[in-house]
C-alpha atoms as a PDB file:
ATOM      1  CA  MET A   1     146.203 112.254 154.169  1.00  0.00           C
ATOM      2  CA  ALA A   2     146.662 114.877 151.433  1.00  0.00           C
ATOM      3  CA  VAL A   3     145.049 116.497 148.377  1.00  0.00           C
ATOM      4  CA  VAL A   4     147.183 117.162 145.367  1.00  0.00           C
ATOM      5  CA  ALA A   5     145.789 119.250 142.543  1.00  0.00           C
ATOM      6  CA  ILE A   6     147.253 118.973 139.150  1.00  0.00           C
ATOM      7  CA  TYR A   7     146.333 122.533 137.775  1.00  0.00           C
ATOM      8  CA  SER A   8     147.270 124.979 135.160  1.00  0.00           C
ATOM      9  CA  VAL A   9     145.413 127.887 133.499  1.00  0.00           C
ATOM     10  CA  LYS A  10     146.715 126.903 130.191  1.00  0.00           C
ATOM     11  CA  GLY A  11     145.524 123.875 128.303  1.00  0.00           C
ATOM     12  CA  GLY A  12     147.615 121.366 126.554  1.00  0.00           C
ATOM     13  CA  VAL A  13     150.450 121.142 129.135  1.00  0.00           C
ATOM     14  CA  GLY A  14     150.027 117.468 129.981  1.00  0.00           C
ATOM     15  CA  LYS A  15     147.772 117.988 133.013  1.00  0.00           C
ATOM     16  CA  THR A  16     145.516 115.047 132.696  1.00  0.00           C
ATOM     17  CA  THR A  17     148.543 112.735 131.912  1.00  0.00           C
ATOM     18  CA  PHE A  18     150.233 113.949 135.074  1.00  0.00           C
ATOM     19  CA  ALA A  19     147.044 113.272 137.061  1.00  0.00           C
ATOM     20  CA  ALA A  20     146.678 109.580 135.817  1.00  0.00           C
ATOM     21  CA  ASN A  21     150.240 108.743 136.077  1.00  0.00           C
ATOM     22  CA  LEU A  22     150.775 110.196 139.618  1.00  0.00           C
ATOM     23  CA  ALA A  23     147.673 108.665 140.866  1.00  0.00           C
ATOM     24  CA  TRP A  24     149.004 105.360 139.649  1.00  0.00           C
ATOM     25  CA  CYS A  25     152.289 106.072 141.264  1.00  0.00           C
ATOM     26  CA  ALA A  26     150.574 106.926 144.615  1.00  0.00           C
ATOM     27  CA  ALA A  27     148.693 103.677 144.645  1.00  0.00           C
ATOM     28  CA  MET A  28     151.323 101.281 143.163  1.00  0.00           C
ATOM     29  CA  GLN A  29     154.596 102.862 144.240  1.00  0.00           C
ATOM     30  CA  SER A  30     153.552 104.264 147.626  1.00  0.00           C
ATOM     31  CA  SER A  31     150.920 101.739 148.362  1.00  0.00           C
ATOM     32  CA  ARG A  32     148.427 104.464 149.232  1.00  0.00           C
ATOM     33  CA  ARG A  33     144.710 104.371 149.034  1.00  0.00           C
ATOM     34  CA  THR A  34     144.245 106.803 146.263  1.00  0.00           C
ATOM     35  CA  LEU A  35     141.270 108.435 144.606  1.00  0.00           C
ATOM     36  CA  LEU A  36     141.702 110.430 141.290  1.00  0.00           C
ATOM     37  CA  TRP A  37     138.884 112.898 141.053  1.00  0.00           C
ATOM     38  CA  ASP A  38     138.354 114.068 137.418  1.00  0.00           C
ATOM     39  CA  LEU A  39     137.002 117.560 137.521  1.00  0.00           C
ATOM     40  CA  ASP A  40     137.466 118.199 133.832  1.00  0.00           C
ATOM     41  CA  ALA A  41     134.337 117.719 131.665  1.00  0.00           C
ATOM     42  CA  ALA A  42     136.461 116.283 128.949  1.00  0.00           C
ATOM     43  CA  GLY A  43     136.960 113.163 131.123  1.00  0.00           C
ATOM     44  CA  GLY A  44     140.503 112.432 129.953  1.00  0.00           C
ATOM     45  CA  ALA A  45     141.662 111.005 133.234  1.00  0.00           C
ATOM     46  CA  SER A  46     138.844 108.480 133.004  1.00  0.00           C
ATOM     47  CA  PHE A  47     139.821 107.492 129.457  1.00  0.00           C
ATOM     48  CA  LEU A  48     143.604 107.150 130.413  1.00  0.00           C
ATOM     49  CA  LEU A  49     142.665 104.733 133.166  1.00  0.00           C
ATOM     50  CA  GLY A  50     140.533 102.735 130.868  1.00  0.00           C
ATOM     51  CA  VAL A  51     137.185 103.411 132.789  1.00  0.00           C
ATOM     52  CA  ASP A  52     134.272 104.235 130.619  1.00  0.00           C
ATOM     53  CA  PRO A  53     131.992 106.719 132.305  1.00  0.00           C
ATOM     54  CA  LYS A  54     128.433 105.770 132.873  1.00  0.00           C
ATOM     55  CA  LYS A  55     126.007 107.476 130.333  1.00  0.00           C
ATOM     56  CA  LYS A  56     124.076 109.219 133.005  1.00  0.00           C
ATOM     57  CA  LYS A  57     125.397 112.808 133.516  1.00  0.00           C
ATOM     58  CA  ARG A  58     125.573 112.879 137.272  1.00  0.00           C
ATOM     59  CA  ALA A  59     129.052 114.184 138.093  1.00  0.00           C
ATOM     60  CA  THR A  60     127.553 117.585 139.211  1.00  0.00           C
ATOM     61  CA  SER A  61     125.337 115.902 141.631  1.00  0.00           C
ATOM     62  CA  VAL A  62     128.362 115.180 143.856  1.00  0.00           C
ATOM     63  CA  ILE A  63     128.844 119.042 144.137  1.00  0.00           C
ATOM     64  CA  SER A  64     125.154 119.761 144.903  1.00  0.00           C
ATOM     65  CA  LYS A  65     125.282 116.752 147.371  1.00  0.00           C
ATOM     66  CA  ASP A  66     122.328 115.256 145.713  1.00  0.00           C
ATOM     67  CA  ILE A  67     124.203 111.925 145.560  1.00  0.00           C
ATOM     68  CA  ASP A  68     126.734 110.030 147.696  1.00  0.00           C
ATOM     69  CA  PRO A  69     130.084 110.169 145.850  1.00  0.00           C
ATOM     70  CA  ALA A  70     130.656 106.524 146.676  1.00  0.00           C
ATOM     71  CA  LYS A  71     127.878 105.658 144.197  1.00  0.00           C
ATOM     72  CA  LEU A  72     129.786 107.090 141.410  1.00  0.00           C
ATOM     73  CA  ILE A  73     133.326 106.087 142.280  1.00  0.00           C
ATOM     74  CA  ARG A  74     134.722 103.389 140.100  1.00  0.00           C
ATOM     75  CA  HIS A  75     137.457 100.831 140.731  1.00  0.00           C
ATOM     76  CA  THR A  76     140.258 100.700 138.376  1.00  0.00           C
ATOM     77  CA  ASP A  77     142.307  97.632 137.225  1.00  0.00           C
ATOM     78  CA  TYR A  78     144.937  98.681 139.793  1.00  0.00           C
ATOM     79  CA  PRO A  79     144.972  97.978 143.594  1.00  0.00           C
ATOM     80  CA  ARG A  80     144.271 100.777 145.815  1.00  0.00           C
ATOM     81  CA  LEU A  81     143.315 103.116 142.975  1.00  0.00           C
ATOM     82  CA  ASP A  82     139.817 104.446 142.392  1.00  0.00           C
ATOM     83  CA  LEU A  83     138.225 107.086 140.129  1.00  0.00           C
ATOM     84  CA  LEU A  84     135.465 109.506 140.495  1.00  0.00           C
ATOM     85  CA  PRO A  85     134.888 110.065 136.891  1.00  0.00           C
ATOM     86  CA  ALA A  86     133.929 113.237 135.026  1.00  0.00           C
ATOM     87  CA  ASP A  87     131.199 113.885 132.516  1.00  0.00           C
ATOM     88  CA  GLU A  88     129.809 116.601 130.542  1.00  0.00           C
ATOM     89  CA  SER A  89     127.552 117.939 133.183  1.00  0.00           C
ATOM     90  CA  LEU A  90     130.703 119.465 134.569  1.00  0.00           C
ATOM     91  CA  ARG A  91     130.676 122.096 131.878  1.00  0.00           C
ATOM     92  CA  ALA A  92     128.357 124.099 134.088  1.00  0.00           C
ATOM     93  CA  LEU A  93     130.249 123.505 137.265  1.00  0.00           C
ATOM     94  CA  ASP A  94     131.452 127.125 137.835  1.00  0.00           C
ATOM     95  CA  VAL A  95     127.719 128.371 137.488  1.00  0.00           C
ATOM     96  CA  GLN A  96     126.622 125.647 139.944  1.00  0.00           C
ATOM     97  CA  LEU A  97     129.215 126.662 142.525  1.00  0.00           C
ATOM     98  CA  ALA A  98     128.143 130.307 142.094  1.00  0.00           C
ATOM     99  CA  GLU A  99     124.545 129.402 142.630  1.00  0.00           C
ATOM    100  CA  ILE A 100     125.316 127.114 145.733  1.00  0.00           C
ATOM    101  CA  GLY A 101     127.248 130.174 147.191  1.00  0.00           C
ATOM    102  CA  LYS A 102     129.443 127.965 149.492  1.00  0.00           C
ATOM    103  CA  LYS A 103     133.024 129.196 148.971  1.00  0.00           C
ATOM    104  CA  ASN A 104     134.454 125.894 150.546  1.00  0.00           C
ATOM    105  CA  ARG A 105     132.244 123.253 148.899  1.00  0.00           C
ATOM    106  CA  ILE A 106     135.162 121.577 147.122  1.00  0.00           C
ATOM    107  CA  ALA A 107     137.273 121.605 150.267  1.00  0.00           C
ATOM    108  CA  LYS A 108     134.474 120.046 152.383  1.00  0.00           C
ATOM    109  CA  LEU A 109     133.913 117.259 149.671  1.00  0.00           C
ATOM    110  CA  THR A 110     137.501 116.576 149.576  1.00  0.00           C
ATOM    111  CA  ALA A 111     137.534 116.354 153.344  1.00  0.00           C
ATOM    112  CA  ASP A 112     134.614 113.840 153.261  1.00  0.00           C
ATOM    113  CA  LEU A 113     136.389 111.750 150.524  1.00  0.00           C
ATOM    114  CA  MET A 114     139.610 111.690 152.427  1.00  0.00           C
ATOM    115  CA  LYS A 115     137.968 109.578 155.209  1.00  0.00           C
ATOM    116  CA  ASP A 116     138.539 106.473 152.851  1.00  0.00           C
ATOM    117  CA  TYR A 117     141.756 107.484 151.151  1.00  0.00           C
ATOM    118  CA  ASP A 118     145.204 108.578 151.807  1.00  0.00           C
ATOM    119  CA  ARG A 119     145.792 110.559 148.737  1.00  0.00           C
ATOM    120  CA  LEU A 120     143.417 112.587 146.595  1.00  0.00           C
ATOM    121  CA  ILE A 121     144.535 113.589 143.287  1.00  0.00           C
ATOM    122  CA  LEU A 122     142.423 116.453 141.383  1.00  0.00           C
ATOM    123  CA  ASP A 123     142.601 116.507 137.715  1.00  0.00           C
ATOM    124  CA  CYS A 124     141.683 120.159 137.282  1.00  0.00           C
ATOM    125  CA  PRO A 125     140.297 122.009 134.117  1.00  0.00           C
ATOM    126  CA  PRO A 126     142.421 124.908 132.743  1.00  0.00           C
ATOM    127  CA  VAL A 127     140.152 127.614 134.194  1.00  0.00           C
ATOM    128  CA  LEU A 128     140.465 130.791 136.344  1.00  0.00           C
ATOM    129  CA  ASN A 129     137.129 131.168 138.053  1.00  0.00           C
ATOM    130  CA  GLU A 130     135.245 130.011 141.114  1.00  0.00           C
ATOM    131  CA  LEU A 131     136.181 126.512 140.578  1.00  0.00           C
ATOM    132  CA  SER A 132     139.918 127.125 140.542  1.00  0.00           C
ATOM    133  CA  SER A 133     139.568 129.323 143.692  1.00  0.00           C
ATOM    134  CA  GLN A 134     137.873 126.493 145.373  1.00  0.00           C
ATOM    135  CA  ILE A 135     140.539 124.028 144.286  1.00  0.00           C
ATOM    136  CA  VAL A 136     143.264 126.228 145.665  1.00  0.00           C
ATOM    137  CA  ARG A 137     141.404 126.300 149.047  1.00  0.00           C
ATOM    138  CA  ALA A 138     140.979 122.456 149.099  1.00  0.00           C
ATOM    139  CA  ALA A 139     144.595 121.432 148.009  1.00  0.00           C
ATOM    140  CA  ASP A 140     147.571 120.576 150.218  1.00  0.00           C
ATOM    141  CA  LEU A 141     149.879 120.951 147.099  1.00  0.00           C
ATOM    142  CA  ILE A 142     149.269 122.307 143.603  1.00  0.00           C
ATOM    143  CA  VAL A 143     151.448 120.594 140.912  1.00  0.00           C
ATOM    144  CA  VAL A 144     151.650 122.946 137.766  1.00  0.00           C
ATOM    145  CA  PRO A 145     152.946 121.266 134.540  1.00  0.00           C
ATOM    146  CA  ILE A 146     154.947 123.744 132.472  1.00  0.00           C
ATOM    147  CA  PRO A 147     156.286 123.091 128.938  1.00  0.00           C
ATOM    148  CA  PRO A 148     159.398 125.097 128.527  1.00  0.00           C
ATOM    149  CA  SER A 149     157.849 128.177 126.752  1.00  0.00           C
ATOM    150  CA  PRO A 150     157.020 131.932 127.448  1.00  0.00           C
ATOM    151  CA  LEU A 151     153.246 131.225 127.439  1.00  0.00           C
ATOM    152  CA  SER A 152     153.637 128.494 130.023  1.00  0.00           C
ATOM    153  CA  ALA A 153     155.758 130.709 132.206  1.00  0.00           C
ATOM    154  CA  ARG A 154     153.034 133.419 131.969  1.00  0.00           C
ATOM    155  CA  ALA A 155     150.489 130.742 133.031  1.00  0.00           C
ATOM    156  CA  LEU A 156     152.533 129.949 136.063  1.00  0.00           C
ATOM    157  CA  ASP A 157     152.654 133.597 137.052  1.00  0.00           C
ATOM    158  CA  ILE A 158     148.863 133.716 136.905  1.00  0.00           C
ATOM    159  CA  VAL A 159     148.585 130.427 139.089  1.00  0.00           C
ATOM    160  CA  ARG A 160     150.964 131.999 141.635  1.00  0.00           C
ATOM    161  CA  GLU A 161     148.960 135.203 141.781  1.00  0.00           C
ATOM    162  CA  GLU A 162     145.706 133.147 142.230  1.00  0.00           C
ATOM    163  CA  VAL A 163     147.284 130.979 144.944  1.00  0.00           C
ATOM    164  CA  SER A 164     148.867 133.898 146.810  1.00  0.00           C
ATOM    165  CA  ALA A 165     145.351 135.590 147.135  1.00  0.00           C
ATOM    166  CA  GLU A 166     144.600 132.873 149.706  1.00  0.00           C
ATOM    167  CA  GLY A 167     147.209 134.593 151.958  1.00  0.00           C
ATOM    168  CA  LYS A 168     148.847 132.412 154.837  1.00  0.00           C
ATOM    169  CA  LYS A 169     146.307 129.567 153.901  1.00  0.00           C
ATOM    170  CA  ALA A 170     147.763 129.269 150.515  1.00  0.00           C
ATOM    171  CA  PRO A 171     149.141 125.744 149.630  1.00  0.00           C
ATOM    172  CA  PRO A 172     152.647 125.375 148.279  1.00  0.00           C
ATOM    173  CA  ILE A 173     153.176 125.259 144.400  1.00  0.00           C
ATOM    174  CA  MET A 174     155.327 122.751 142.733  1.00  0.00           C
ATOM    175  CA  PRO A 175     156.278 123.620 138.968  1.00  0.00           C
ATOM    176  CA  VAL A 176     157.177 120.766 136.887  1.00  0.00           C
ATOM    177  CA  PHE A 177     158.639 120.883 133.345  1.00  0.00           C
ATOM    178  CA  SER A 178     156.515 118.726 131.022  1.00  0.00           C
ATOM    179  CA  MET A 179     157.033 117.690 127.399  1.00  0.00           C
ATOM    180  CA  VAL A 180     160.686 118.389 127.573  1.00  0.00           C
ATOM    181  CA  ASP A 181     162.768 117.750 124.447  1.00  0.00           C
ATOM    182  CA  ARG A 182     166.466 118.248 125.409  1.00  0.00           C
ATOM    183  CA  ARG A 183     167.409 118.536 121.788  1.00  0.00           C
ATOM    184  CA  ARG A 184     165.780 121.890 121.733  1.00  0.00           C
ATOM    185  CA  THR A 185     167.835 124.922 122.838  1.00  0.00           C
ATOM    186  CA  LEU A 186     164.886 126.613 124.576  1.00  0.00           C
ATOM    187  CA  HIS A 187     164.186 123.581 126.581  1.00  0.00           C
ATOM    188  CA  ARG A 188     167.723 123.094 127.664  1.00  0.00           C
ATOM    189  CA  ASP A 189     168.145 126.671 128.633  1.00  0.00           C
ATOM    190  CA  SER A 190     164.769 126.638 130.639  1.00  0.00           C
ATOM    191  CA  ILE A 191     166.055 123.653 132.594  1.00  0.00           C
ATOM    192  CA  LEU A 192     169.273 125.268 133.452  1.00  0.00           C
ATOM    193  CA  ASP A 193     167.448 128.276 134.610  1.00  0.00           C
ATOM    194  CA  GLN A 194     165.311 126.293 136.985  1.00  0.00           C
ATOM    195  CA  LYS A 195     167.648 123.505 138.054  1.00  0.00           C
ATOM    196  CA  LYS A 196     165.592 122.451 140.940  1.00  0.00           C
ATOM    197  CA  TRP A 197     162.307 121.858 138.978  1.00  0.00           C
ATOM    198  CA  PRO A 198     161.415 118.179 138.261  1.00  0.00           C
ATOM    199  CA  VAL A 199     161.534 117.182 134.577  1.00  0.00           C
ATOM    200  CA  ILE A 200     159.013 114.885 132.661  1.00  0.00           C
ATOM    201  CA  PRO A 201     160.274 114.227 129.205  1.00  0.00           C
ATOM    202  CA  SER A 202     158.486 114.332 125.838  1.00  0.00           C
ATOM    203  CA  ALA A 203     158.364 110.663 125.127  1.00  0.00           C
ATOM    204  CA  SER A 204     156.500 108.218 122.786  1.00  0.00           C
ATOM    205  CA  ALA A 205     155.809 106.011 125.937  1.00  0.00           C
ATOM    206  CA  ILE A 206     153.751 108.871 127.487  1.00  0.00           C
ATOM    207  CA  GLU A 207     151.859 109.307 124.140  1.00  0.00           C
ATOM    208  CA  GLN A 208     151.088 105.600 124.240  1.00  0.00           C
ATOM    209  CA  CYS A 209     149.158 105.995 127.486  1.00  0.00           C
ATOM    210  CA  ALA A 210     146.020 106.934 125.308  1.00  0.00           C
ATOM    211  CA  THR A 211     146.666 103.748 123.149  1.00  0.00           C
ATOM    212  CA  HIS A 212     147.099 101.412 126.048  1.00  0.00           C
ATOM    213  CA  LEU A 213     144.532 103.190 128.305  1.00  0.00           C
ATOM    214  CA  ALA A 214     146.971 102.791 131.046  1.00  0.00           C
ATOM    215  CA  PRO A 215     149.613 104.787 132.982  1.00  0.00           C
ATOM    216  CA  VAL A 216     153.154 104.449 131.513  1.00  0.00           C
ATOM    217  CA  GLY A 217     154.335 102.669 134.545  1.00  0.00           C
ATOM    218  CA  ALA A 218     151.907  99.827 133.814  1.00  0.00           C
ATOM    219  CA  PHE A 219     153.082  99.048 130.439  1.00  0.00           C
ATOM    220  CA  ALA A 220     156.609 100.429 130.109  1.00  0.00           C
ATOM    221  CA  PRO A 221     157.863 100.396 133.688  1.00  0.00           C
ATOM    222  CA  ARG A 222     161.558 100.587 132.730  1.00  0.00           C
ATOM    223  CA  SER A 223     161.130 103.576 130.356  1.00  0.00           C
ATOM    224  CA  PRO A 224     162.694 106.914 131.082  1.00  0.00           C
ATOM    225  CA  ALA A 225     159.178 108.311 131.206  1.00  0.00           C
ATOM    226  CA  ALA A 226     157.946 105.995 133.969  1.00  0.00           C
ATOM    227  CA  ARG A 227     161.114 106.640 135.963  1.00  0.00           C
ATOM    228  CA  ALA A 228     160.531 110.292 135.669  1.00  0.00           C
ATOM    229  CA  PHE A 229     156.951 110.105 136.925  1.00  0.00           C
ATOM    230  CA  LYS A 230     158.077 107.800 139.826  1.00  0.00           C
ATOM    231  CA  ALA A 231     160.823 110.275 140.674  1.00  0.00           C
ATOM    232  CA  LEU A 232     158.283 113.124 140.707  1.00  0.00           C
ATOM    233  CA  TRP A 233     155.967 111.317 142.961  1.00  0.00           C
ATOM    234  CA  THR A 234     158.766 110.712 145.387  1.00  0.00           C
ATOM    235  CA  ASP A 235     159.436 114.337 145.450  1.00  0.00           C
ATOM    236  CA  ILE A 236     155.756 115.063 146.021  1.00  0.00           C
ATOM    237  CA  GLU A 237     155.612 112.731 148.907  1.00  0.00           C
ATOM    238  CA  ARG A 238     158.634 114.487 150.389  1.00  0.00           C
ATOM    239  CA  LYS A 239     157.116 117.795 150.061  1.00  0.00           C
ATOM    240  CA  LEU A 240     153.848 116.587 151.725  1.00  0.00           C
ATOM    241  CA  ALA A 241     155.852 115.034 154.557  1.00  0.00           C
ATOM    242  CA  LYS A 242     157.521 118.392 155.208  1.00  0.00           C
ATOM    243  CA  GLY A 243     154.100 120.086 155.341  1.00  0.00           C
END
């Protein structure tokens, strides 16, 4: 059992696309019982999996333990893949966590959820606050999407500082190049500088996830983008196995 957080302090790096596609790979490629927990108020992961959130704004009720998460979990069109959807109530999640005063609330909730799942994927908002600190404490691995750019590199440094603050309990970080266009010199040079980092290309198939309301592996399984996500998930599984 493992919790994988898809996290960056910078928005627009492909985080939600990573979360939806990796959750699909966990369920379909590795045959894991997988839950994707959407913690971003924008609800992008729910959208990409074709799940319409219920109108009632109850996502924060899970955090306060006023409702059993099982009542909000939705099945998707894919075997072994479920979704705990987001809604706009999560906009105040950081304030809610501060009011609760429990530093490990997210970790305890993930532990409870993992009783029914093998893999829990967290789609995290691009924040640096109490929520991100709790996500770090809950995760077994943090995947950080990084488009090849100086601003993204700076965002990775910030994530590393936040994670290292947990000391010996800090989870490992896996940086992954996202939105890579090998025709661009900056992108090619960045990949050469970090040859061990996995690479997810900039591809029309990935953009079409929002059109098809499905992970790329579901509608374009032979595409380079689908193969890249599958390879990334294999790397993640290997890293989790090593502990």
